[in-house]
Amino acid sequence: MTKREIGFLLIGLGSGLALTFVATIEILKSLRHLDLIDSYSWDRASIAIPLALLIVGVLLLIPFPKRN
């Protein structure tokens, strides 16, 4: 597996986790609107992990100049 393939894999994983997070927010908002949930709180890891995966994936895709 090349560095480029790993970069695309991490970007896909990070964006998938971010979309899952957004879907979870929308479900919680709709349940709260229906008065089925009183309150909920956010965990920093649920935002930090997808962003970290996206950043690492993009960094792996950036071509660095080769050293002599």
Protein backbone atom coordinates (compact mmCIF):
# COMPACT_ATOMS: atom_id res chain seq x y z
CA MET A 1 0.00 0.00 0.00
CA THR A 2 1.46 3.32 -1.03
CA LYS A 3 1.48 6.57 0.89
CA ARG A 4 -1.08 7.98 -1.54
CA GLU A 5 -3.50 5.10 -0.95
CA ILE A 6 -3.15 5.51 2.81
CA GLY A 7 -3.85 9.25 2.43
CA PHE A 8 -7.05 8.63 0.49
CA LEU A 9 -8.08 5.95 3.01
CA LEU A 10 -7.64 8.35 5.93
CA ILE A 11 -9.51 11.13 4.12
CA GLY A 12 -12.39 8.74 3.41
CA LEU A 13 -12.42 7.53 7.00
CA GLY A 14 -12.31 11.07 8.38
CA SER A 15 -15.06 12.37 6.11
CA GLY A 16 -17.19 9.29 6.87
CA LEU A 17 -16.83 9.89 10.59
CA ALA A 18 -17.66 13.58 10.12
CA LEU A 19 -20.81 12.71 8.16
CA THR A 20 -21.78 10.21 10.85
CA PHE A 21 -21.33 12.95 13.45
CA VAL A 22 -23.56 15.32 11.45
CA ALA A 23 -26.23 12.62 11.06
CA THR A 24 -26.13 11.98 14.80
CA ILE A 25 -26.60 15.69 15.50
CA GLU A 26 -29.60 15.83 13.18
CA ILE A 27 -31.20 12.78 14.80
CA LEU A 28 -30.66 14.20 18.29
CA LYS A 29 -32.11 17.56 17.23
CA SER A 30 -35.21 15.91 15.79
CA LEU A 31 -35.69 13.74 18.89
CA ARG A 32 -35.27 16.76 21.13
CA HIS A 33 -37.82 18.64 19.03
CA LEU A 34 -40.28 15.80 19.67
CA ASP A 35 -39.56 16.04 23.44
CA LEU A 36 -38.12 12.52 23.59
CA ILE A 37 -34.74 13.74 24.87
CA ASP A 38 -34.27 16.34 27.61
CA SER A 39 -30.61 17.20 26.97
CA TYR A 40 -27.38 15.95 25.46
CA SER A 41 -23.72 16.96 25.57
CA TRP A 42 -20.81 16.88 23.10
CA ASP A 43 -17.54 15.02 23.43
CA ARG A 44 -14.42 16.72 22.06
CA ALA A 45 -13.12 13.45 20.63
CA SER A 46 -16.14 13.17 18.35
CA ILE A 47 -14.96 16.31 16.58
CA ALA A 48 -11.20 15.93 16.98
CA ILE A 49 -10.82 12.39 15.57
CA PRO A 50 -12.42 13.02 12.14
CA LEU A 51 -10.53 16.30 11.77
CA ALA A 52 -7.23 14.66 12.71
CA LEU A 53 -7.79 11.87 10.17
CA LEU A 54 -8.60 14.40 7.45
CA ILE A 55 -5.50 16.46 8.22
CA VAL A 56 -3.18 13.44 8.28
CA GLY A 57 -4.70 12.15 5.04
CA VAL A 58 -4.20 15.47 3.28
CA LEU A 59 -0.63 15.71 4.57
CA LEU A 60 0.11 12.27 3.13
CA LEU A 61 -1.18 13.39 -0.27
CA ILE A 62 0.93 16.56 -0.45
CA PRO A 63 4.05 15.82 -2.48
CA PHE A 64 7.10 16.81 -0.51
CA PRO A 65 10.29 17.69 -2.40
CA LYS A 66 12.80 14.86 -2.46
CA ARG A 67 16.06 15.45 -0.66
CA ASN A 68 19.36 14.66 -2.35
